[in-house]
């Protein structure tokens, strides 16, 4: 049985016990991918940041996390045994250097936070990827979309990257639809029309399975 690692949703980086740095990701794309892979018989490990979504499927195990560090730890544990990695989460690029123990009180007209860079989960694991493993990334861009996506594909050792643009109506965070372009490490590009995210997920899964079938199986 194929084993698939998927990261989904946002990460929340705590400032104090009640506040955090986050983003608008809902996790819908990652969850749709989990369902699409499970529908094809894959054993799915879904590492999910905070989301309102729920899944009930015997082939999907949801590992709930909050922060980028927690997501990295879970993904690192699962990745060596997974055949396919899908990095659909919107991981916060930065986190507060330190978390306040108590709620920060409103004092003065400004508040300065010192931020430090989070681990790049996809890039870090990408350096450890074996030839028979297949890695999928996402690129949400606002300008020079294809150029940025191809650079990200190479930098993070992806085999396939899913590009969508915030300039496309109905795409990006919060929508039930998405409009994507699939770019492969081999240089192929496939442009899809705007579709419900469930259909987009099936297109991505079909592309992954077709690509895997073309990868030579290592001799025992």
N, C-alpha and C. Protein backbone atom coordinates (compact mmCIF):
# COMPACT_ATOMS: atom_id res chain seq x y z
N UNK A 1 0.84 -1.20 0.00
CA UNK A 1 0.00 0.00 0.00
C UNK A 1 0.88 1.26 0.00
N UNK A 2 0.52 2.20 -0.83
CA UNK A 2 1.25 3.46 -0.87
C UNK A 2 1.01 4.25 0.40
N UNK A 3 2.10 4.83 0.94
CA UNK A 3 2.00 5.68 2.13
C UNK A 3 2.26 7.12 1.72
N UNK A 4 1.38 8.01 2.17
CA UNK A 4 1.44 9.42 1.77
C UNK A 4 1.48 10.31 3.00
N UNK A 5 2.44 11.22 3.01
CA UNK A 5 2.52 12.28 4.02
C UNK A 5 1.97 13.56 3.42
N UNK A 6 1.02 14.18 4.11
CA UNK A 6 0.47 15.47 3.67
C UNK A 6 0.51 16.44 4.84
N UNK A 7 1.01 17.65 4.59
CA UNK A 7 0.88 18.72 5.57
C UNK A 7 -0.22 19.66 5.08
N UNK A 8 -0.99 20.20 6.02
CA UNK A 8 -2.15 21.03 5.64
C UNK A 8 -2.40 22.10 6.68
N UNK A 9 -3.10 23.15 6.23
CA UNK A 9 -3.53 24.20 7.14
C UNK A 9 -2.43 25.19 7.48
N UNK A 10 -2.72 26.11 8.40
CA UNK A 10 -1.74 27.11 8.83
C UNK A 10 -0.92 26.58 10.00
N UNK A 11 0.06 27.36 10.42
CA UNK A 11 0.66 27.15 11.73
C UNK A 11 0.44 28.42 12.54
N UNK A 12 0.30 28.24 13.85
CA UNK A 12 0.11 29.36 14.76
C UNK A 12 1.35 29.48 15.63
N UNK A 13 2.01 30.61 15.56
CA UNK A 13 3.24 30.84 16.31
C UNK A 13 2.94 31.77 17.49
N UNK A 14 2.99 31.27 18.72
CA UNK A 14 2.51 32.02 19.87
C UNK A 14 3.36 33.24 20.22
N UNK A 15 2.67 34.33 20.49
CA UNK A 15 3.30 35.55 21.00
C UNK A 15 3.23 35.56 22.53
N UNK A 16 2.06 35.23 23.04
CA UNK A 16 1.84 35.08 24.48
C UNK A 16 0.75 34.02 24.64
N UNK A 17 0.24 33.75 25.82
CA UNK A 17 -0.73 32.66 25.97
C UNK A 17 -2.03 32.82 25.19
N UNK A 18 -2.35 34.02 24.71
CA UNK A 18 -3.62 34.22 24.01
C UNK A 18 -3.47 34.74 22.58
N UNK A 19 -2.27 35.13 22.15
CA UNK A 19 -2.07 35.70 20.83
C UNK A 19 -1.06 34.89 20.04
N UNK A 20 -1.18 34.98 18.72
CA UNK A 20 -0.28 34.22 17.86
C UNK A 20 -0.12 34.91 16.52
N UNK A 21 0.91 34.52 15.78
CA UNK A 21 1.08 34.91 14.38
C UNK A 21 0.57 33.75 13.53
N UNK A 22 -0.32 34.04 12.60
CA UNK A 22 -0.88 32.99 11.74
C UNK A 22 -1.16 33.51 10.36
N UNK A 23 -1.98 32.79 9.61
CA UNK A 23 -2.37 33.22 8.27
C UNK A 23 -3.78 32.71 7.97
N UNK A 24 -4.26 32.98 6.77
CA UNK A 24 -5.66 32.72 6.43
C UNK A 24 -5.91 31.33 5.85
N UNK A 25 -4.92 30.45 5.88
CA UNK A 25 -5.13 29.11 5.33
C UNK A 25 -6.23 28.37 6.08
N UNK A 26 -7.10 27.70 5.33
CA UNK A 26 -8.19 26.92 5.92
C UNK A 26 -7.87 25.43 5.98
N UNK A 27 -6.87 24.99 5.20
CA UNK A 27 -6.56 23.58 5.13
C UNK A 27 -7.37 22.81 4.10
N UNK A 28 -8.27 23.49 3.40
CA UNK A 28 -9.20 22.80 2.49
C UNK A 28 -8.48 22.01 1.40
N UNK A 29 -7.40 22.58 0.84
CA UNK A 29 -6.71 21.88 -0.24
C UNK A 29 -6.01 20.63 0.28
N UNK A 30 -5.34 20.75 1.40
CA UNK A 30 -4.65 19.60 1.96
C UNK A 30 -5.60 18.48 2.36
N UNK A 31 -6.74 18.85 2.94
CA UNK A 31 -7.73 17.86 3.34
C UNK A 31 -8.36 17.19 2.11
N UNK A 32 -8.60 17.97 1.06
CA UNK A 32 -9.13 17.39 -0.17
C UNK A 32 -8.13 16.40 -0.78
N UNK A 33 -6.84 16.72 -0.69
CA UNK A 33 -5.81 15.81 -1.19
C UNK A 33 -5.77 14.53 -0.37
N UNK A 34 -5.93 14.65 0.94
CA UNK A 34 -5.95 13.45 1.78
C UNK A 34 -7.09 12.53 1.37
N UNK A 35 -8.25 13.10 1.14
CA UNK A 35 -9.40 12.29 0.73
C UNK A 35 -9.18 11.68 -0.65
N UNK A 36 -8.57 12.44 -1.55
CA UNK A 36 -8.35 11.94 -2.92
C UNK A 36 -7.33 10.80 -2.93
N UNK A 37 -6.27 10.91 -2.15
CA UNK A 37 -5.30 9.82 -2.07
C UNK A 37 -5.92 8.59 -1.41
N UNK A 38 -6.68 8.79 -0.35
CA UNK A 38 -7.33 7.67 0.33
C UNK A 38 -8.32 6.96 -0.59
N UNK A 39 -9.00 7.74 -1.42
CA UNK A 39 -9.95 7.15 -2.37
C UNK A 39 -9.25 6.24 -3.38
N UNK A 40 -7.96 6.47 -3.59
CA UNK A 40 -7.17 5.62 -4.49
C UNK A 40 -6.44 4.51 -3.73
N UNK A 41 -6.78 4.34 -2.45
CA UNK A 41 -6.25 3.24 -1.67
C UNK A 41 -4.97 3.52 -0.91
N UNK A 42 -4.56 4.78 -0.84
CA UNK A 42 -3.32 5.11 -0.15
C UNK A 42 -3.55 5.23 1.36
N UNK A 43 -2.51 4.93 2.11
CA UNK A 43 -2.50 5.12 3.56
C UNK A 43 -1.96 6.52 3.82
N UNK A 44 -2.80 7.41 4.35
CA UNK A 44 -2.48 8.84 4.43
C UNK A 44 -2.22 9.27 5.87
N UNK A 45 -1.10 9.93 6.08
CA UNK A 45 -0.79 10.59 7.35
C UNK A 45 -0.92 12.10 7.11
N UNK A 46 -1.94 12.72 7.68
CA UNK A 46 -2.23 14.13 7.47
C UNK A 46 -1.79 14.93 8.68
N UNK A 47 -0.71 15.69 8.53
CA UNK A 47 -0.22 16.54 9.61
C UNK A 47 -0.88 17.91 9.44
N UNK A 48 -1.79 18.21 10.34
CA UNK A 48 -2.65 19.37 10.15
C UNK A 48 -2.45 20.44 11.20
N UNK A 49 -2.27 21.67 10.73
CA UNK A 49 -2.31 22.82 11.61
C UNK A 49 -3.74 23.09 12.02
N UNK A 50 -3.99 24.14 12.82
CA UNK A 50 -5.34 24.42 13.33
C UNK A 50 -6.34 24.68 12.20
N UNK A 51 -7.44 23.96 12.20
CA UNK A 51 -8.47 24.11 11.17
C UNK A 51 -9.80 23.63 11.73
N UNK A 52 -10.88 24.09 11.12
CA UNK A 52 -12.22 23.66 11.51
C UNK A 52 -12.66 22.39 10.79
N UNK A 53 -11.83 21.88 9.90
CA UNK A 53 -12.21 20.73 9.09
C UNK A 53 -12.13 19.43 9.88
N UNK A 54 -12.96 18.48 9.47
CA UNK A 54 -12.98 17.16 10.09
C UNK A 54 -12.92 16.09 8.99
N UNK A 55 -12.24 15.01 9.27
CA UNK A 55 -12.18 13.88 8.34
C UNK A 55 -12.49 12.59 9.07
N UNK A 56 -13.28 11.75 8.42
CA UNK A 56 -13.58 10.43 8.95
C UNK A 56 -13.33 9.43 7.83
N UNK A 57 -12.14 8.85 7.79
CA UNK A 57 -11.80 7.87 6.76
C UNK A 57 -10.82 6.87 7.36
N UNK A 58 -11.06 5.59 7.17
CA UNK A 58 -10.20 4.58 7.80
C UNK A 58 -8.75 4.59 7.32
N UNK A 59 -8.50 5.20 6.16
CA UNK A 59 -7.13 5.23 5.62
C UNK A 59 -6.41 6.55 5.92
N UNK A 60 -7.07 7.45 6.64
CA UNK A 60 -6.47 8.75 6.94
C UNK A 60 -6.27 8.89 8.45
N UNK A 61 -5.04 9.14 8.85
CA UNK A 61 -4.73 9.46 10.24
C UNK A 61 -4.36 10.93 10.32
N UNK A 62 -5.06 11.68 11.16
CA UNK A 62 -4.79 13.12 11.32
C UNK A 62 -3.91 13.33 12.54
N UNK A 63 -2.79 13.99 12.33
CA UNK A 63 -1.89 14.36 13.42
C UNK A 63 -2.01 15.87 13.60
N UNK A 64 -2.63 16.30 14.67
CA UNK A 64 -2.90 17.72 14.89
C UNK A 64 -1.69 18.40 15.52
N UNK A 65 -1.29 19.53 14.93
CA UNK A 65 -0.18 20.33 15.46
C UNK A 65 -0.59 21.80 15.48
N UNK A 66 0.20 22.61 16.14
CA UNK A 66 -0.05 24.04 16.20
C UNK A 66 1.04 24.85 15.50
N UNK A 67 2.27 24.59 15.86
CA UNK A 67 3.38 25.42 15.40
C UNK A 67 4.16 24.77 14.26
N UNK A 68 5.03 25.57 13.64
CA UNK A 68 5.90 25.04 12.58
C UNK A 68 6.85 23.99 13.14
N UNK A 69 7.36 24.22 14.34
CA UNK A 69 8.27 23.24 14.95
C UNK A 69 7.57 21.91 15.18
N UNK A 70 6.31 21.95 15.63
CA UNK A 70 5.55 20.72 15.83
C UNK A 70 5.28 20.02 14.50
N UNK A 71 4.96 20.80 13.47
CA UNK A 71 4.71 20.22 12.15
C UNK A 71 5.98 19.58 11.60
N UNK A 72 7.10 20.25 11.79
CA UNK A 72 8.38 19.71 11.32
C UNK A 72 8.71 18.40 12.03
N UNK A 73 8.51 18.36 13.33
CA UNK A 73 8.80 17.14 14.09
C UNK A 73 7.95 15.97 13.60
N UNK A 74 6.65 16.22 13.38
CA UNK A 74 5.75 15.16 12.92
C UNK A 74 6.11 14.71 11.51
N UNK A 75 6.36 15.67 10.62
CA UNK A 75 6.70 15.33 9.23
C UNK A 75 8.02 14.57 9.15
N UNK A 76 8.98 14.97 9.97
CA UNK A 76 10.29 14.30 9.97
C UNK A 76 10.16 12.86 10.43
N UNK A 77 9.25 12.62 11.37
CA UNK A 77 9.03 11.26 11.85
C UNK A 77 8.39 10.37 10.79
N UNK A 78 7.48 10.94 10.00
CA UNK A 78 6.70 10.16 9.03
C UNK A 78 7.41 10.01 7.69
N UNK A 79 8.15 11.03 7.27
CA UNK A 79 8.70 11.11 5.92
C UNK A 79 9.52 9.89 5.48
N UNK A 80 10.40 9.34 6.31
CA UNK A 80 11.23 8.23 5.82
C UNK A 80 10.44 7.03 5.35
N UNK A 81 9.24 6.80 5.91
CA UNK A 81 8.44 5.65 5.54
C UNK A 81 7.40 5.96 4.46
N UNK A 82 7.31 7.23 4.05
CA UNK A 82 6.29 7.62 3.07
C UNK A 82 6.83 7.56 1.65
N UNK A 83 5.97 7.15 0.73
CA UNK A 83 6.34 7.11 -0.69
C UNK A 83 6.14 8.47 -1.35
N UNK A 84 5.15 9.20 -0.88
CA UNK A 84 4.81 10.51 -1.45
C UNK A 84 4.73 11.52 -0.33
N UNK A 85 5.32 12.70 -0.56
CA UNK A 85 5.23 13.82 0.37
C UNK A 85 4.47 14.94 -0.33
N UNK A 86 3.47 15.48 0.33
CA UNK A 86 2.73 16.62 -0.21
C UNK A 86 2.73 17.74 0.83
N UNK A 87 3.41 18.83 0.50
CA UNK A 87 3.54 19.95 1.43
C UNK A 87 2.53 21.03 1.06
N UNK A 88 1.29 20.84 1.57
CA UNK A 88 0.20 21.78 1.25
C UNK A 88 -0.03 22.80 2.36
N UNK A 89 0.66 22.67 3.48
CA UNK A 89 0.46 23.59 4.60
C UNK A 89 1.03 24.97 4.28
N UNK A 90 0.41 25.98 4.88
CA UNK A 90 0.92 27.35 4.79
C UNK A 90 1.68 27.62 6.09
N UNK A 91 2.91 27.19 6.13
CA UNK A 91 3.72 27.30 7.34
C UNK A 91 4.21 28.73 7.51
N UNK A 92 4.07 29.26 8.73
CA UNK A 92 4.55 30.62 8.99
C UNK A 92 6.05 30.70 8.74
N UNK A 93 6.48 31.72 8.02
CA UNK A 93 7.90 31.88 7.73
C UNK A 93 8.69 32.27 8.98
N UNK A 94 8.05 33.00 9.88
CA UNK A 94 8.73 33.51 11.07
C UNK A 94 7.90 33.22 12.32
N UNK A 95 8.58 33.23 13.45
CA UNK A 95 7.94 33.07 14.76
C UNK A 95 8.58 34.06 15.73
N UNK A 96 7.88 34.42 16.80
CA UNK A 96 8.50 35.28 17.82
C UNK A 96 9.74 34.60 18.41
N UNK A 97 10.77 35.38 18.64
CA UNK A 97 12.00 34.83 19.20
C UNK A 97 11.74 34.20 20.57
N UNK A 98 10.83 34.80 21.31
CA UNK A 98 10.46 34.23 22.60
C UNK A 98 8.99 34.50 22.85
N UNK A 99 8.34 33.59 23.56
CA UNK A 99 6.92 33.74 23.90
C UNK A 99 6.81 34.32 25.30
N UNK A 100 5.99 35.35 25.44
CA UNK A 100 5.76 35.93 26.76
C UNK A 100 5.01 34.93 27.64
N UNK A 101 5.43 34.81 28.86
CA UNK A 101 4.81 33.85 29.79
C UNK A 101 3.38 34.28 30.12
N UNK A 102 3.18 35.57 30.28
CA UNK A 102 1.85 36.12 30.59
C UNK A 102 1.34 36.97 29.43
N UNK A 103 0.04 37.22 29.42
CA UNK A 103 -0.56 38.06 28.39
C UNK A 103 0.10 39.44 28.38
N UNK A 104 0.50 39.87 27.19
CA UNK A 104 1.15 41.17 27.06
C UNK A 104 0.10 42.28 27.25
N UNK A 105 0.36 43.16 28.17
CA UNK A 105 -0.58 44.24 28.45
C UNK A 105 -0.42 45.38 27.43
N UNK A 106 -1.52 46.09 27.22
CA UNK A 106 -1.52 47.22 26.28
C UNK A 106 -0.87 48.41 26.95
N UNK A 107 0.37 48.67 26.58
CA UNK A 107 1.12 49.79 27.16
C UNK A 107 1.84 50.52 26.04
N UNK A 108 1.66 51.82 25.94
CA UNK A 108 2.30 52.60 24.90
C UNK A 108 1.57 52.48 23.57
N UNK A 109 2.06 53.25 22.59
CA UNK A 109 1.41 53.30 21.28
C UNK A 109 1.95 52.27 20.30
N UNK A 110 3.07 51.66 20.62
CA UNK A 110 3.66 50.67 19.70
C UNK A 110 4.10 49.44 20.49
N UNK A 111 4.23 48.35 19.76
CA UNK A 111 4.73 47.10 20.33
C UNK A 111 5.70 46.50 19.33
N UNK A 112 6.91 46.22 19.76
CA UNK A 112 7.92 45.65 18.87
C UNK A 112 8.10 44.16 19.20
N UNK A 113 8.02 43.34 18.16
CA UNK A 113 8.25 41.90 18.30
C UNK A 113 9.50 41.53 17.51
N UNK A 114 10.36 40.75 18.10
CA UNK A 114 11.52 40.23 17.37
C UNK A 114 11.18 38.84 16.84
N UNK A 115 11.29 38.70 15.53
CA UNK A 115 10.94 37.44 14.89
C UNK A 115 12.18 36.71 14.40
N UNK A 116 12.12 35.39 14.41
CA UNK A 116 13.19 34.56 13.87
C UNK A 116 12.60 33.61 12.84
N UNK A 117 13.42 33.18 11.93
CA UNK A 117 12.94 32.34 10.83
C UNK A 117 12.61 30.94 11.31
N UNK A 118 11.48 30.41 10.84
CA UNK A 118 11.11 29.02 11.10
C UNK A 118 11.89 28.08 10.19
N UNK A 119 11.98 26.84 10.58
CA UNK A 119 12.59 25.83 9.73
C UNK A 119 11.78 25.71 8.45
N UNK A 120 12.44 25.56 7.31
CA UNK A 120 11.76 25.31 6.04
C UNK A 120 11.57 23.81 5.93
N UNK A 121 10.38 23.34 6.25
CA UNK A 121 10.12 21.90 6.35
C UNK A 121 10.37 21.19 5.03
N UNK A 122 9.79 21.72 3.96
CA UNK A 122 9.92 21.05 2.66
C UNK A 122 11.35 21.03 2.17
N UNK A 123 12.06 22.14 2.31
CA UNK A 123 13.44 22.21 1.84
C UNK A 123 14.35 21.30 2.66
N UNK A 124 14.15 21.30 3.98
CA UNK A 124 14.99 20.47 4.84
C UNK A 124 14.80 18.99 4.55
N UNK A 125 13.56 18.56 4.43
CA UNK A 125 13.31 17.16 4.11
C UNK A 125 13.70 16.85 2.67
N UNK A 126 13.61 17.86 1.79
CA UNK A 126 13.97 17.64 0.40
C UNK A 126 15.40 17.17 0.21
N UNK A 127 16.29 17.60 1.11
CA UNK A 127 17.69 17.18 1.04
C UNK A 127 17.86 15.71 1.42
N UNK A 128 16.84 15.15 2.07
CA UNK A 128 16.92 13.76 2.53
C UNK A 128 16.11 12.80 1.65
N UNK A 129 15.42 13.34 0.65
CA UNK A 129 14.53 12.54 -0.19
C UNK A 129 15.31 11.49 -0.99
N UNK A 130 14.80 10.27 -0.96
CA UNK A 130 15.41 9.19 -1.75
C UNK A 130 14.88 9.23 -3.19
N UNK A 131 15.62 8.65 -4.14
CA UNK A 131 15.19 8.72 -5.54
C UNK A 131 13.80 8.14 -5.80
N UNK A 132 13.39 7.15 -5.01
CA UNK A 132 12.09 6.51 -5.26
C UNK A 132 10.94 7.27 -4.59
N UNK A 133 11.26 8.28 -3.79
CA UNK A 133 10.21 9.07 -3.15
C UNK A 133 9.83 10.25 -4.04
N UNK A 134 8.58 10.70 -3.90
CA UNK A 134 8.03 11.75 -4.76
C UNK A 134 7.53 12.89 -3.89
N UNK A 135 8.01 14.09 -4.17
CA UNK A 135 7.69 15.25 -3.33
C UNK A 135 6.91 16.30 -4.12
N UNK A 136 5.82 16.77 -3.51
CA UNK A 136 4.94 17.75 -4.14
C UNK A 136 4.90 19.00 -3.26
N UNK A 137 5.08 20.16 -3.88
CA UNK A 137 4.99 21.41 -3.15
C UNK A 137 3.94 22.33 -3.73
N UNK A 138 3.68 23.42 -3.04
CA UNK A 138 2.71 24.42 -3.48
C UNK A 138 3.38 25.78 -3.53
N UNK A 139 2.98 26.59 -4.49
CA UNK A 139 3.48 27.95 -4.61
C UNK A 139 2.28 28.88 -4.80
N UNK A 140 2.06 29.75 -3.85
CA UNK A 140 1.02 30.77 -3.95
C UNK A 140 1.73 32.09 -4.24
N UNK A 141 1.56 32.59 -5.46
CA UNK A 141 2.33 33.75 -5.90
C UNK A 141 1.42 34.91 -6.27
N UNK A 142 2.02 36.10 -6.31
CA UNK A 142 1.28 37.30 -6.72
C UNK A 142 1.90 37.97 -7.95
N UNK A 143 3.13 37.59 -8.30
CA UNK A 143 3.78 38.16 -9.48
C UNK A 143 4.88 37.20 -9.95
N UNK A 144 5.21 37.28 -11.24
CA UNK A 144 6.22 36.40 -11.84
C UNK A 144 6.01 34.95 -11.37
N UNK A 145 4.78 34.51 -11.48
CA UNK A 145 4.36 33.25 -10.87
C UNK A 145 5.20 32.05 -11.31
N UNK A 146 5.32 31.85 -12.61
CA UNK A 146 6.03 30.66 -13.09
C UNK A 146 7.50 30.70 -12.71
N UNK A 147 8.13 31.86 -12.83
CA UNK A 147 9.55 31.98 -12.48
C UNK A 147 9.79 31.63 -11.02
N UNK A 148 8.96 32.19 -10.13
CA UNK A 148 9.12 31.92 -8.71
C UNK A 148 8.84 30.45 -8.38
N UNK A 149 7.82 29.89 -9.04
CA UNK A 149 7.45 28.50 -8.77
C UNK A 149 8.55 27.54 -9.21
N UNK A 150 9.12 27.78 -10.37
CA UNK A 150 10.19 26.88 -10.86
C UNK A 150 11.43 26.99 -9.98
N UNK A 151 11.73 28.18 -9.49
CA UNK A 151 12.86 28.34 -8.59
C UNK A 151 12.62 27.58 -7.29
N UNK A 152 11.40 27.65 -6.80
CA UNK A 152 11.04 26.94 -5.56
C UNK A 152 11.10 25.43 -5.78
N UNK A 153 10.64 24.97 -6.93
CA UNK A 153 10.68 23.55 -7.25
C UNK A 153 12.10 23.01 -7.17
N UNK A 154 13.04 23.75 -7.75
CA UNK A 154 14.43 23.31 -7.75
C UNK A 154 15.06 23.44 -6.36
N UNK A 155 14.79 24.55 -5.68
CA UNK A 155 15.41 24.82 -4.38
C UNK A 155 15.00 23.79 -3.32
N UNK A 156 13.76 23.31 -3.41
CA UNK A 156 13.25 22.41 -2.38
C UNK A 156 13.21 20.95 -2.84
N UNK A 157 13.80 20.70 -4.01
CA UNK A 157 13.91 19.33 -4.53
C UNK A 157 12.54 18.68 -4.70
N UNK A 158 11.56 19.46 -5.18
CA UNK A 158 10.24 18.92 -5.50
C UNK A 158 10.29 18.17 -6.83
N UNK A 159 9.41 17.21 -6.98
CA UNK A 159 9.21 16.56 -8.28
C UNK A 159 8.06 17.22 -9.03
N UNK A 160 7.16 17.85 -8.27
CA UNK A 160 5.99 18.51 -8.84
C UNK A 160 5.64 19.69 -7.95
N UNK A 161 5.29 20.81 -8.57
CA UNK A 161 4.83 21.95 -7.77
C UNK A 161 3.50 22.43 -8.32
N UNK A 162 2.61 22.76 -7.39
CA UNK A 162 1.26 23.23 -7.72
C UNK A 162 1.25 24.74 -7.55
N UNK A 163 1.08 25.44 -8.65
CA UNK A 163 1.13 26.90 -8.65
C UNK A 163 -0.28 27.47 -8.72
N UNK A 164 -0.58 28.39 -7.81
CA UNK A 164 -1.78 29.20 -7.98
C UNK A 164 -1.47 30.64 -7.63
N UNK A 165 -2.26 31.53 -8.18
CA UNK A 165 -2.00 32.96 -8.06
C UNK A 165 -3.14 33.64 -7.33
N UNK A 166 -2.81 34.55 -6.43
CA UNK A 166 -3.84 35.33 -5.76
C UNK A 166 -4.54 36.28 -6.72
N UNK A 167 -3.98 36.45 -7.91
CA UNK A 167 -4.61 37.32 -8.91
C UNK A 167 -5.76 36.62 -9.63
N UNK A 168 -5.86 35.28 -9.46
CA UNK A 168 -6.95 34.53 -10.10
C UNK A 168 -8.16 34.52 -9.17
N UNK A 169 -9.29 35.00 -9.66
CA UNK A 169 -10.51 35.01 -8.86
C UNK A 169 -10.90 33.58 -8.51
N UNK A 170 -11.25 33.37 -7.24
CA UNK A 170 -11.68 32.04 -6.80
C UNK A 170 -10.56 31.12 -6.40
N UNK A 171 -9.31 31.60 -6.42
CA UNK A 171 -8.17 30.78 -6.04
C UNK A 171 -7.58 31.30 -4.73
N UNK A 172 -6.79 30.43 -4.07
CA UNK A 172 -6.11 30.86 -2.86
C UNK A 172 -6.88 30.56 -1.60
N UNK A 173 -6.56 31.24 -0.50
CA UNK A 173 -7.11 30.96 0.81
C UNK A 173 -8.61 31.20 0.86
N UNK A 174 -9.31 30.35 1.60
CA UNK A 174 -10.70 30.60 1.94
C UNK A 174 -11.72 30.19 0.90
N UNK A 175 -11.30 29.84 -0.30
CA UNK A 175 -12.24 29.48 -1.36
C UNK A 175 -12.45 27.96 -1.40
N UNK A 176 -13.61 27.56 -1.92
CA UNK A 176 -13.87 26.14 -2.15
C UNK A 176 -13.39 25.71 -3.53
N UNK A 177 -12.88 26.68 -4.29
CA UNK A 177 -12.36 26.40 -5.63
C UNK A 177 -10.89 26.78 -5.70
N UNK A 178 -10.25 26.32 -6.76
CA UNK A 178 -8.86 26.70 -6.99
C UNK A 178 -8.56 26.59 -8.48
N UNK A 179 -7.59 27.37 -8.92
CA UNK A 179 -7.13 27.34 -10.30
C UNK A 179 -5.63 27.14 -10.27
N UNK A 180 -5.18 25.99 -10.75
CA UNK A 180 -3.78 25.64 -10.57
C UNK A 180 -3.09 25.34 -11.89
N UNK A 181 -1.78 25.48 -11.84
CA UNK A 181 -0.89 25.04 -12.90
C UNK A 181 0.10 24.07 -12.29
N UNK A 182 0.27 22.91 -12.90
CA UNK A 182 1.21 21.91 -12.40
C UNK A 182 2.50 21.99 -13.20
N UNK A 183 3.61 22.13 -12.49
CA UNK A 183 4.93 22.20 -13.09
C UNK A 183 5.77 21.03 -12.57
N UNK A 184 6.41 20.30 -13.47
CA UNK A 184 7.21 19.16 -13.06
C UNK A 184 8.69 19.49 -13.12
N UNK A 185 9.49 18.68 -12.41
CA UNK A 185 10.93 18.87 -12.42
C UNK A 185 11.50 18.65 -13.82
N UNK A 186 10.77 17.88 -14.64
CA UNK A 186 11.22 17.63 -16.00
C UNK A 186 10.87 18.73 -16.98
N UNK A 187 10.17 19.77 -16.51
CA UNK A 187 9.88 20.92 -17.36
C UNK A 187 8.48 20.96 -17.94
N UNK A 188 7.66 19.94 -17.66
CA UNK A 188 6.29 19.94 -18.19
C UNK A 188 5.41 20.91 -17.41
N UNK A 189 4.43 21.47 -18.10
CA UNK A 189 3.49 22.39 -17.48
C UNK A 189 2.08 22.05 -17.94
N UNK A 190 1.16 21.92 -16.98
CA UNK A 190 -0.25 21.64 -17.27
C UNK A 190 -1.10 22.68 -16.57
N UNK A 191 -1.93 23.39 -17.35
CA UNK A 191 -2.77 24.45 -16.80
C UNK A 191 -4.22 23.94 -16.72
N UNK A 192 -4.81 24.06 -15.53
CA UNK A 192 -6.19 23.62 -15.33
C UNK A 192 -7.10 24.83 -15.15
N UNK A 193 -8.37 24.65 -15.49
CA UNK A 193 -9.37 25.69 -15.27
C UNK A 193 -9.76 25.75 -13.80
N UNK A 194 -10.49 26.78 -13.42
CA UNK A 194 -11.01 26.90 -12.07
C UNK A 194 -11.95 25.73 -11.78
N UNK A 195 -11.72 25.05 -10.65
CA UNK A 195 -12.50 23.86 -10.29
C UNK A 195 -12.70 23.82 -8.78
N UNK A 196 -13.69 23.05 -8.32
CA UNK A 196 -13.78 22.79 -6.88
C UNK A 196 -12.49 22.11 -6.40
N UNK A 197 -12.11 22.39 -5.15
CA UNK A 197 -10.85 21.85 -4.65
C UNK A 197 -10.82 20.33 -4.64
N UNK A 198 -11.97 19.69 -4.50
CA UNK A 198 -12.00 18.22 -4.55
C UNK A 198 -11.56 17.73 -5.92
N UNK A 199 -11.98 18.43 -6.99
CA UNK A 199 -11.59 18.04 -8.34
C UNK A 199 -10.12 18.37 -8.59
N UNK A 200 -9.67 19.50 -8.08
CA UNK A 200 -8.25 19.86 -8.19
C UNK A 200 -7.40 18.79 -7.53
N UNK A 201 -7.83 18.34 -6.37
CA UNK A 201 -7.09 17.29 -5.65
C UNK A 201 -7.00 16.03 -6.48
N UNK A 202 -8.09 15.65 -7.12
CA UNK A 202 -8.06 14.44 -7.95
C UNK A 202 -7.11 14.60 -9.13
N UNK A 203 -7.06 15.79 -9.72
CA UNK A 203 -6.12 16.05 -10.82
C UNK A 203 -4.68 15.91 -10.34
N UNK A 204 -4.40 16.45 -9.15
CA UNK A 204 -3.04 16.37 -8.61
C UNK A 204 -2.67 14.92 -8.32
N UNK A 205 -3.58 14.19 -7.68
CA UNK A 205 -3.31 12.79 -7.34
C UNK A 205 -3.08 11.96 -8.61
N UNK A 206 -3.90 12.20 -9.62
CA UNK A 206 -3.72 11.46 -10.88
C UNK A 206 -2.35 11.76 -11.48
N UNK A 207 -1.91 13.00 -11.43
CA UNK A 207 -0.60 13.37 -11.97
C UNK A 207 0.52 12.69 -11.18
N UNK A 208 0.37 12.66 -9.85
CA UNK A 208 1.38 12.00 -9.01
C UNK A 208 1.45 10.52 -9.32
N UNK A 209 0.31 9.86 -9.41
CA UNK A 209 0.30 8.41 -9.66
C UNK A 209 0.87 8.08 -11.03
N UNK A 210 0.55 8.92 -12.03
CA UNK A 210 1.10 8.71 -13.36
C UNK A 210 2.62 8.89 -13.36
N UNK A 211 3.09 9.87 -12.60
CA UNK A 211 4.54 10.10 -12.52
C UNK A 211 5.23 8.96 -11.80
N UNK A 212 4.63 8.45 -10.75
CA UNK A 212 5.23 7.34 -10.00
C UNK A 212 5.33 6.08 -10.84
N UNK A 213 4.34 5.87 -11.69
CA UNK A 213 4.37 4.67 -12.53
C UNK A 213 5.50 4.72 -13.54
N UNK A 214 6.01 5.94 -13.79
CA UNK A 214 7.09 6.09 -14.77
C UNK A 214 8.47 6.01 -14.10
N UNK A 215 8.51 5.99 -12.75
CA UNK A 215 9.78 5.91 -12.04
C UNK A 215 10.24 4.45 -11.98
N UNK A 216 11.45 4.12 -12.45
CA UNK A 216 11.91 2.74 -12.40
C UNK A 216 11.96 2.22 -10.96
N UNK A 217 11.52 1.00 -10.76
CA UNK A 217 11.56 0.39 -9.43
C UNK A 217 12.97 -0.10 -9.14
N UNK A 218 13.55 0.28 -7.98
CA UNK A 218 14.90 -0.19 -7.67
C UNK A 218 14.97 -1.70 -7.58
N UNK A 219 16.06 -2.30 -8.06
CA UNK A 219 16.22 -3.75 -7.98
C UNK A 219 16.56 -4.14 -6.55
N UNK A 220 16.00 -5.25 -6.13
CA UNK A 220 16.29 -5.75 -4.76
C UNK A 220 17.71 -6.25 -4.68
